[in-house]
Amino acid sequence: NLKPEDTAVYYCNAEIAEVAIVPVPRNYWG
């Protein structure tokens, strides 16, 4: 039920920890 007001660029965001000696979660953006 999309509306004209939904028009926008949609971005994905996630908090991800990489494989590392010390994994630190970071925010990533598409």
PDB file of all heavy atoms in Angstrom:
ATOM      1  N   ASN A   1       0.827  -1.205   0.000  1.00  0.00           N
ATOM      2  CA  ASN A   1       0.000   0.000   0.000  1.00  0.00           C
ATOM      3  C   ASN A   1       0.861   1.255   0.000  1.00  0.00           C
ATOM      4  O   ASN A   1       0.677   2.159   0.815  1.00  0.00           O
ATOM      5  CB  ASN A   1      -0.947  -0.011   1.202  1.00  0.00           C
ATOM      6  CG  ASN A   1      -2.008   1.062   1.125  1.00  0.00           C
ATOM      7  OD1 ASN A   1      -2.358   1.537   0.038  1.00  0.00           O
ATOM      8  ND2 ASN A   1      -2.526   1.478   2.281  1.00  0.00           N
ATOM      9  N   LEU A   2       1.774   1.303  -0.925  1.00  0.00           N
ATOM     10  CA  LEU A   2       2.705   2.422  -0.992  1.00  0.00           C
ATOM     11  C   LEU A   2       2.001   3.732  -1.310  1.00  0.00           C
ATOM     12  O   LEU A   2       1.024   3.765  -2.054  1.00  0.00           O
ATOM     13  CB  LEU A   2       3.786   2.143  -2.026  1.00  0.00           C
ATOM     14  CG  LEU A   2       4.868   1.175  -1.548  1.00  0.00           C
ATOM     15  CD1 LEU A   2       5.605   0.558  -2.726  1.00  0.00           C
ATOM     16  CD2 LEU A   2       5.845   1.898  -0.626  1.00  0.00           C
ATOM     17  N   LYS A   3       2.512   4.787  -0.732  1.00  0.00           N
ATOM     18  CA  LYS A   3       1.974   6.122  -0.904  1.00  0.00           C
ATOM     19  C   LYS A   3       3.044   7.031  -1.496  1.00  0.00           C
ATOM     20  O   LYS A   3       4.231   6.775  -1.337  1.00  0.00           O
ATOM     21  CB  LYS A   3       1.523   6.679   0.448  1.00  0.00           C
ATOM     22  CG  LYS A   3       0.494   5.830   1.160  1.00  0.00           C
ATOM     23  CD  LYS A   3       0.173   6.396   2.534  1.00  0.00           C
ATOM     24  CE  LYS A   3      -0.869   5.552   3.233  1.00  0.00           C
ATOM     25  NZ  LYS A   3      -1.201   6.102   4.574  1.00  0.00           N
ATOM     26  N   PRO A   4       2.628   8.104  -2.161  1.00  0.00           N
ATOM     27  CA  PRO A   4       3.622   9.042  -2.698  1.00  0.00           C
ATOM     28  C   PRO A   4       4.603   9.546  -1.644  1.00  0.00           C
ATOM     29  O   PRO A   4       5.767   9.803  -1.964  1.00  0.00           O
ATOM     30  CB  PRO A   4       2.759  10.180  -3.250  1.00  0.00           C
ATOM     31  CG  PRO A   4       1.490   9.509  -3.635  1.00  0.00           C
ATOM     32  CD  PRO A   4       1.260   8.467  -2.566  1.00  0.00           C
ATOM     33  N   GLU A   5       4.146   9.659  -0.421  1.00  0.00           N
ATOM     34  CA  GLU A   5       4.995  10.116   0.670  1.00  0.00           C
ATOM     35  C   GLU A   5       6.114   9.135   1.000  1.00  0.00           C
ATOM     36  O   GLU A   5       7.046   9.485   1.727  1.00  0.00           O
ATOM     37  CB  GLU A   5       4.164  10.362   1.935  1.00  0.00           C
ATOM     38  CG  GLU A   5       2.962  11.257   1.730  1.00  0.00           C
ATOM     39  CD  GLU A   5       1.719  10.475   1.357  1.00  0.00           C
ATOM     40  OE1 GLU A   5       1.053   9.940   2.266  1.00  0.00           O
ATOM     41  OE2 GLU A   5       1.404  10.404   0.142  1.00  0.00           O
ATOM     42  N   ASP A   6       6.024   7.921   0.485  1.00  0.00           N
ATOM     43  CA  ASP A   6       7.072   6.927   0.707  1.00  0.00           C
ATOM     44  C   ASP A   6       8.236   7.102  -0.262  1.00  0.00           C
ATOM     45  O   ASP A   6       9.251   6.421  -0.128  1.00  0.00           O
ATOM     46  CB  ASP A   6       6.513   5.513   0.565  1.00  0.00           C
ATOM     47  CG  ASP A   6       5.461   5.190   1.621  1.00  0.00           C
ATOM     48  OD1 ASP A   6       5.657   5.558   2.795  1.00  0.00           O
ATOM     49  OD2 ASP A   6       4.442   4.564   1.263  1.00  0.00           O
ATOM     50  N   THR A   7       8.076   7.974  -1.221  1.00  0.00           N
ATOM     51  CA  THR A   7       9.136   8.203  -2.204  1.00  0.00           C
ATOM     52  C   THR A   7      10.396   8.703  -1.516  1.00  0.00           C
ATOM     53  O   THR A   7      10.379   9.701  -0.796  1.00  0.00           O
ATOM     54  CB  THR A   7       8.681   9.215  -3.257  1.00  0.00           C
ATOM     55  OG1 THR A   7       7.585   8.675  -3.998  1.00  0.00           O
ATOM     56  CG2 THR A   7       9.812   9.532  -4.224  1.00  0.00           C
ATOM     57  N   ALA A   8      11.478   8.005  -1.739  1.00  0.00           N
ATOM     58  CA  ALA A   8      12.750   8.336  -1.100  1.00  0.00           C
ATOM     59  C   ALA A   8      13.812   7.351  -1.568  1.00  0.00           C
ATOM     60  O   ALA A   8      13.501   6.350  -2.215  1.00  0.00           O
ATOM     61  CB  ALA A   8      12.623   8.271   0.422  1.00  0.00           C
ATOM     62  N   VAL A   9      15.038   7.658  -1.220  1.00  0.00           N
ATOM     63  CA  VAL A   9      16.096   6.673  -1.356  1.00  0.00           C
ATOM     64  C   VAL A   9      16.109   5.876  -0.063  1.00  0.00           C
ATOM     65  O   VAL A   9      16.154   6.453   1.026  1.00  0.00           O
ATOM     66  CB  VAL A   9      17.471   7.321  -1.597  1.00  0.00           C
ATOM     67  CG1 VAL A   9      18.563   6.257  -1.644  1.00  0.00           C
ATOM     68  CG2 VAL A   9      17.460   8.114  -2.895  1.00  0.00           C
ATOM     69  N   TYR A  10      16.053   4.583  -0.190  1.00  0.00           N
ATOM     70  CA  TYR A  10      16.037   3.702   0.965  1.00  0.00           C
ATOM     71  C   TYR A  10      17.417   3.096   1.168  1.00  0.00           C
ATOM     72  O   TYR A  10      18.005   2.536   0.241  1.00  0.00           O
ATOM     73  CB  TYR A  10      14.993   2.601   0.789  1.00  0.00           C
ATOM     74  CG  TYR A  10      13.583   3.099   1.014  1.00  0.00           C
ATOM     75  CD1 TYR A  10      12.979   3.954   0.100  1.00  0.00           C
ATOM     76  CD2 TYR A  10      12.868   2.735   2.160  1.00  0.00           C
ATOM     77  CE1 TYR A  10      11.700   4.445   0.309  1.00  0.00           C
ATOM     78  CE2 TYR A  10      11.592   3.214   2.373  1.00  0.00           C
ATOM     79  CZ  TYR A  10      11.009   4.064   1.448  1.00  0.00           C
ATOM     80  OH  TYR A  10       9.735   4.539   1.673  1.00  0.00           O
ATOM     81  N   TYR A  11      17.901   3.219   2.382  1.00  0.00           N
ATOM     82  CA  TYR A  11      19.232   2.740   2.726  1.00  0.00           C
ATOM     83  C   TYR A  11      19.172   1.612   3.741  1.00  0.00           C
ATOM     84  O   TYR A  11      18.400   1.663   4.697  1.00  0.00           O
ATOM     85  CB  TYR A  11      20.074   3.861   3.327  1.00  0.00           C
ATOM     86  CG  TYR A  11      20.330   5.024   2.405  1.00  0.00           C
ATOM     87  CD1 TYR A  11      19.473   6.113   2.370  1.00  0.00           C
ATOM     88  CD2 TYR A  11      21.448   5.031   1.575  1.00  0.00           C
ATOM     89  CE1 TYR A  11      19.709   7.186   1.531  1.00  0.00           C
ATOM     90  CE2 TYR A  11      21.695   6.097   0.733  1.00  0.00           C
ATOM     91  CZ  TYR A  11      20.825   7.173   0.717  1.00  0.00           C
ATOM     92  OH  TYR A  11      21.069   8.236  -0.115  1.00  0.00           O
ATOM     93  N   CYS A  12      20.003   0.653   3.523  1.00  0.00           N
ATOM     94  CA  CYS A  12      20.172  -0.442   4.464  1.00  0.00           C
ATOM     95  C   CYS A  12      21.272  -0.078   5.448  1.00  0.00           C
ATOM     96  O   CYS A  12      22.297   0.501   5.069  1.00  0.00           O
ATOM     97  CB  CYS A  12      20.546  -1.714   3.699  1.00  0.00           C
ATOM     98  SG  CYS A  12      20.928  -3.142   4.727  1.00  0.00           S
ATOM     99  N   ASN A  13      21.051  -0.398   6.688  1.00  0.00           N
ATOM    100  CA  ASN A  13      22.054  -0.165   7.722  1.00  0.00           C
ATOM    101  C   ASN A  13      22.144  -1.399   8.605  1.00  0.00           C
ATOM    102  O   ASN A  13      21.137  -2.039   8.897  1.00  0.00           O
ATOM    103  CB  ASN A  13      21.669   1.054   8.563  1.00  0.00           C
ATOM    104  CG  ASN A  13      22.587   1.261   9.749  1.00  0.00           C
ATOM    105  OD1 ASN A  13      22.290   0.840  10.872  1.00  0.00           O
ATOM    106  ND2 ASN A  13      23.723   1.897   9.509  1.00  0.00           N
ATOM    107  N   ALA A  14      23.344  -1.715   9.018  1.00  0.00           N
ATOM    108  CA  ALA A  14      23.520  -2.872   9.889  1.00  0.00           C
ATOM    109  C   ALA A  14      24.722  -2.693  10.781  1.00  0.00           C
ATOM    110  O   ALA A  14      25.727  -2.106  10.375  1.00  0.00           O
ATOM    111  CB  ALA A  14      23.670  -4.150   9.069  1.00  0.00           C
ATOM    112  N   GLU A  15      24.605  -3.196  11.982  1.00  0.00           N
ATOM    113  CA  GLU A  15      25.735  -3.232  12.895  1.00  0.00           C
ATOM    114  C   GLU A  15      26.385  -4.596  12.732  1.00  0.00           C
ATOM    115  O   GLU A  15      25.763  -5.621  13.007  1.00  0.00           O
ATOM    116  CB  GLU A  15      25.287  -3.015  14.337  1.00  0.00           C
ATOM    117  CG  GLU A  15      26.441  -2.892  15.304  1.00  0.00           C
ATOM    118  CD  GLU A  15      25.978  -2.653  16.728  1.00  0.00           C
ATOM    119  OE1 GLU A  15      25.343  -3.576  17.297  1.00  0.00           O
ATOM    120  OE2 GLU A  15      26.234  -1.562  17.262  1.00  0.00           O
ATOM    121  N   ILE A  16      27.619  -4.586  12.269  1.00  0.00           N
ATOM    122  CA  ILE A  16      28.306  -5.815  11.918  1.00  0.00           C
ATOM    123  C   ILE A  16      29.681  -5.883  12.559  1.00  0.00           C
ATOM    124  O   ILE A  16      30.427  -4.904  12.562  1.00  0.00           O
ATOM    125  CB  ILE A  16      28.458  -5.935  10.386  1.00  0.00           C
ATOM    126  CG1 ILE A  16      27.077  -5.998   9.719  1.00  0.00           C
ATOM    127  CG2 ILE A  16      29.293  -7.158  10.018  1.00  0.00           C
ATOM    128  CD1 ILE A  16      27.123  -5.921   8.209  1.00  0.00           C
ATOM    129  N   ALA A  17      29.995  -7.045  13.085  1.00  0.00           N
ATOM    130  CA  ALA A  17      31.335  -7.307  13.590  1.00  0.00           C
ATOM    131  C   ALA A  17      32.069  -8.170  12.577  1.00  0.00           C
ATOM    132  O   ALA A  17      31.596  -9.245  12.208  1.00  0.00           O
ATOM    133  CB  ALA A  17      31.276  -8.008  14.939  1.00  0.00           C
ATOM    134  N   GLU A  18      33.200  -7.697  12.110  1.00  0.00           N
ATOM    135  CA  GLU A  18      34.024  -8.451  11.179  1.00  0.00           C
ATOM    136  C   GLU A  18      34.827  -9.510  11.905  1.00  0.00           C
ATOM    137  O   GLU A  18      35.079  -9.408  13.108  1.00  0.00           O
ATOM    138  CB  GLU A  18      35.005  -7.531  10.456  1.00  0.00           C
ATOM    139  CG  GLU A  18      34.414  -6.645   9.406  1.00  0.00           C
ATOM    140  CD  GLU A  18      35.497  -5.888   8.668  1.00  0.00           C
ATOM    141  OE1 GLU A  18      36.087  -6.453   7.726  1.00  0.00           O
ATOM    142  OE2 GLU A  18      35.760  -4.730   9.054  1.00  0.00           O
ATOM    143  N   VAL A  19      35.238 -10.504  11.159  1.00  0.00           N
ATOM    144  CA  VAL A  19      36.171 -11.484  11.690  1.00  0.00           C
ATOM    145  C   VAL A  19      37.492 -10.762  11.936  1.00  0.00           C
ATOM    146  O   VAL A  19      38.075 -10.188  11.017  1.00  0.00           O
ATOM    147  CB  VAL A  19      36.379 -12.645  10.701  1.00  0.00           C
ATOM    148  CG1 VAL A  19      37.478 -13.571  11.205  1.00  0.00           C
ATOM    149  CG2 VAL A  19      35.085 -13.411  10.509  1.00  0.00           C
ATOM    150  N   ALA A  20      37.953 -10.785  13.159  1.00  0.00           N
ATOM    151  CA  ALA A  20      39.171 -10.086  13.536  1.00  0.00           C
ATOM    152  C   ALA A  20      39.657 -10.615  14.867  1.00  0.00           C
ATOM    153  O   ALA A  20      38.943 -11.321  15.570  1.00  0.00           O
ATOM    154  CB  ALA A  20      38.921  -8.579  13.629  1.00  0.00           C
ATOM    155  N   ILE A  21      40.880 -10.250  15.215  1.00  0.00           N
ATOM    156  CA  ILE A  21      41.405 -10.651  16.514  1.00  0.00           C
ATOM    157  C   ILE A  21      40.534 -10.061  17.618  1.00  0.00           C
ATOM    158  O   ILE A  21      40.210 -10.727  18.604  1.00  0.00           O
ATOM    159  CB  ILE A  21      42.870 -10.195  16.689  1.00  0.00           C
ATOM    160  CG1 ILE A  21      43.746 -10.771  15.569  1.00  0.00           C
ATOM    161  CG2 ILE A  21      43.394 -10.621  18.047  1.00  0.00           C
ATOM    162  CD1 ILE A  21      43.764 -12.283  15.515  1.00  0.00           C
ATOM    163  N   VAL A  22      40.164  -8.805  17.427  1.00  0.00           N
ATOM    164  CA  VAL A  22      39.258  -8.130  18.339  1.00  0.00           C
ATOM    165  C   VAL A  22      38.067  -7.625  17.523  1.00  0.00           C
ATOM    166  O   VAL A  22      38.132  -6.528  16.952  1.00  0.00           O
ATOM    167  CB  VAL A  22      39.929  -6.955  19.064  1.00  0.00           C
ATOM    168  CG1 VAL A  22      38.958  -6.299  20.037  1.00  0.00           C
ATOM    169  CG2 VAL A  22      41.171  -7.425  19.805  1.00  0.00           C
ATOM    170  N   PRO A  23      36.998  -8.403  17.448  1.00  0.00           N
ATOM    171  CA  PRO A  23      35.827  -7.975  16.669  1.00  0.00           C
ATOM    172  C   PRO A  23      35.120  -6.807  17.339  1.00  0.00           C
ATOM    173  O   PRO A  23      34.719  -6.903  18.494  1.00  0.00           O
ATOM    174  CB  PRO A  23      34.933  -9.220  16.643  1.00  0.00           C
ATOM    175  CG  PRO A  23      35.820 -10.353  17.057  1.00  0.00           C
ATOM    176  CD  PRO A  23      36.808  -9.753  18.010  1.00  0.00           C
ATOM    177  N   VAL A  24      34.973  -5.739  16.611  1.00  0.00           N
ATOM    178  CA  VAL A  24      34.293  -4.557  17.111  1.00  0.00           C
ATOM    179  C   VAL A  24      33.109  -4.256  16.198  1.00  0.00           C
ATOM    180  O   VAL A  24      33.308  -3.998  15.005  1.00  0.00           O
ATOM    181  CB  VAL A  24      35.226  -3.338  17.160  1.00  0.00           C
ATOM    182  CG1 VAL A  24      34.474  -2.116  17.660  1.00  0.00           C
ATOM    183  CG2 VAL A  24      36.420  -3.625  18.056  1.00  0.00           C
ATOM    184  N   PRO A  25      31.895  -4.293  16.722  1.00  0.00           N
ATOM    185  CA  PRO A  25      30.735  -3.978  15.879  1.00  0.00           C
ATOM    186  C   PRO A  25      30.799  -2.552  15.351  1.00  0.00           C
ATOM    187  O   PRO A  25      31.110  -1.623  16.093  1.00  0.00           O
ATOM    188  CB  PRO A  25      29.543  -4.164  16.833  1.00  0.00           C
ATOM    189  CG  PRO A  25      30.049  -5.070  17.902  1.00  0.00           C
ATOM    190  CD  PRO A  25      31.490  -4.681  18.087  1.00  0.00           C
ATOM    191  N   ARG A  26      30.504  -2.401  14.082  1.00  0.00           N
ATOM    192  CA  ARG A  26      30.467  -1.103  13.445  1.00  0.00           C
ATOM    193  C   ARG A  26      29.223  -0.994  12.576  1.00  0.00           C
ATOM    194  O   ARG A  26      28.680  -2.001  12.133  1.00  0.00           O
ATOM    195  CB  ARG A  26      31.700  -0.874  12.563  1.00  0.00           C
ATOM    196  CG  ARG A  26      33.011  -0.785  13.317  1.00  0.00           C
ATOM    197  CD  ARG A  26      34.146  -0.459  12.367  1.00  0.00           C
ATOM    198  NE  ARG A  26      35.404  -0.234  13.053  1.00  0.00           N
ATOM    199  CZ  ARG A  26      36.281  -1.188  13.343  1.00  0.00           C
ATOM    200  NH1 ARG A  26      36.030  -2.435  12.998  1.00  0.00           N
ATOM    201  NH2 ARG A  26      37.405  -0.890  13.967  1.00  0.00           N
ATOM    202  N   ASN A  27      28.802   0.218  12.358  1.00  0.00           N
ATOM    203  CA  ASN A  27      27.668   0.458  11.476  1.00  0.00           C
ATOM    204  C   ASN A  27      28.123   0.549  10.027  1.00  0.00           C
ATOM    205  O   ASN A  27      29.103   1.220   9.711  1.00  0.00           O
ATOM    206  CB  ASN A  27      26.938   1.743  11.856  1.00  0.00           C
ATOM    207  CG  ASN A  27      25.986   1.548  13.010  1.00  0.00           C
ATOM    208  OD1 ASN A  27      25.160   0.640  12.989  1.00  0.00           O
ATOM    209  ND2 ASN A  27      26.084   2.397  14.017  1.00  0.00           N
ATOM    210  N   TYR A  28      27.390  -0.129   9.166  1.00  0.00           N
ATOM    211  CA  TYR A  28      27.651  -0.092   7.743  1.00  0.00           C
ATOM    212  C   TYR A  28      26.408   0.372   7.007  1.00  0.00           C
ATOM    213  O   TYR A  28      25.286   0.125   7.451  1.00  0.00           O
ATOM    214  CB  TYR A  28      28.063  -1.476   7.225  1.00  0.00           C
ATOM    215  CG  TYR A  28      29.398  -1.930   7.736  1.00  0.00           C
ATOM    216  CD1 TYR A  28      29.513  -2.572   8.957  1.00  0.00           C
ATOM    217  CD2 TYR A  28      30.562  -1.710   6.999  1.00  0.00           C
ATOM    218  CE1 TYR A  28      30.745  -2.980   9.445  1.00  0.00           C
ATOM    219  CE2 TYR A  28      31.795  -2.119   7.474  1.00  0.00           C
ATOM    220  CZ  TYR A  28      31.887  -2.753   8.693  1.00  0.00           C
ATOM    221  OH  TYR A  28      33.111  -3.156   9.167  1.00  0.00           O
ATOM    222  N   TRP A  29      26.621   1.025   5.897  1.00  0.00           N
ATOM    223  CA  TRP A  29      25.538   1.540   5.070  1.00  0.00           C
ATOM    224  C   TRP A  29      25.636   1.032   3.648  1.00  0.00           C
ATOM    225  O   TRP A  29      26.731   0.905   3.097  1.00  0.00           O
ATOM    226  CB  TRP A  29      25.568   3.070   5.024  1.00  0.00           C
ATOM    227  CG  TRP A  29      25.232   3.736   6.317  1.00  0.00           C
ATOM    228  CD1 TRP A  29      26.093   4.092   7.303  1.00  0.00           C
ATOM    229  CD2 TRP A  29      23.932   4.135   6.755  1.00  0.00           C
ATOM    230  NE1 TRP A  29      25.415   4.693   8.336  1.00  0.00           N
ATOM    231  CE2 TRP A  29      24.089   4.730   8.027  1.00  0.00           C
ATOM    232  CE3 TRP A  29      22.654   4.045   6.196  1.00  0.00           C
ATOM    233  CZ2 TRP A  29      23.009   5.240   8.740  1.00  0.00           C
ATOM    234  CZ3 TRP A  29      21.584   4.548   6.907  1.00  0.00           C
ATOM    235  CH2 TRP A  29      21.766   5.138   8.165  1.00  0.00           C
ATOM    236  N   GLY A  30      24.489   0.759   3.075  1.00  0.00           N
ATOM    237  CA  GLY A  30      24.441   0.483   1.660  1.00  0.00           C
ATOM    238  C   GLY A  30      24.415   1.787   0.890  1.00  0.00           C
ATOM    239  O   GLY A  30      24.325   2.872   1.467  1.00  0.00           O
TER     240      GLY A  30
END
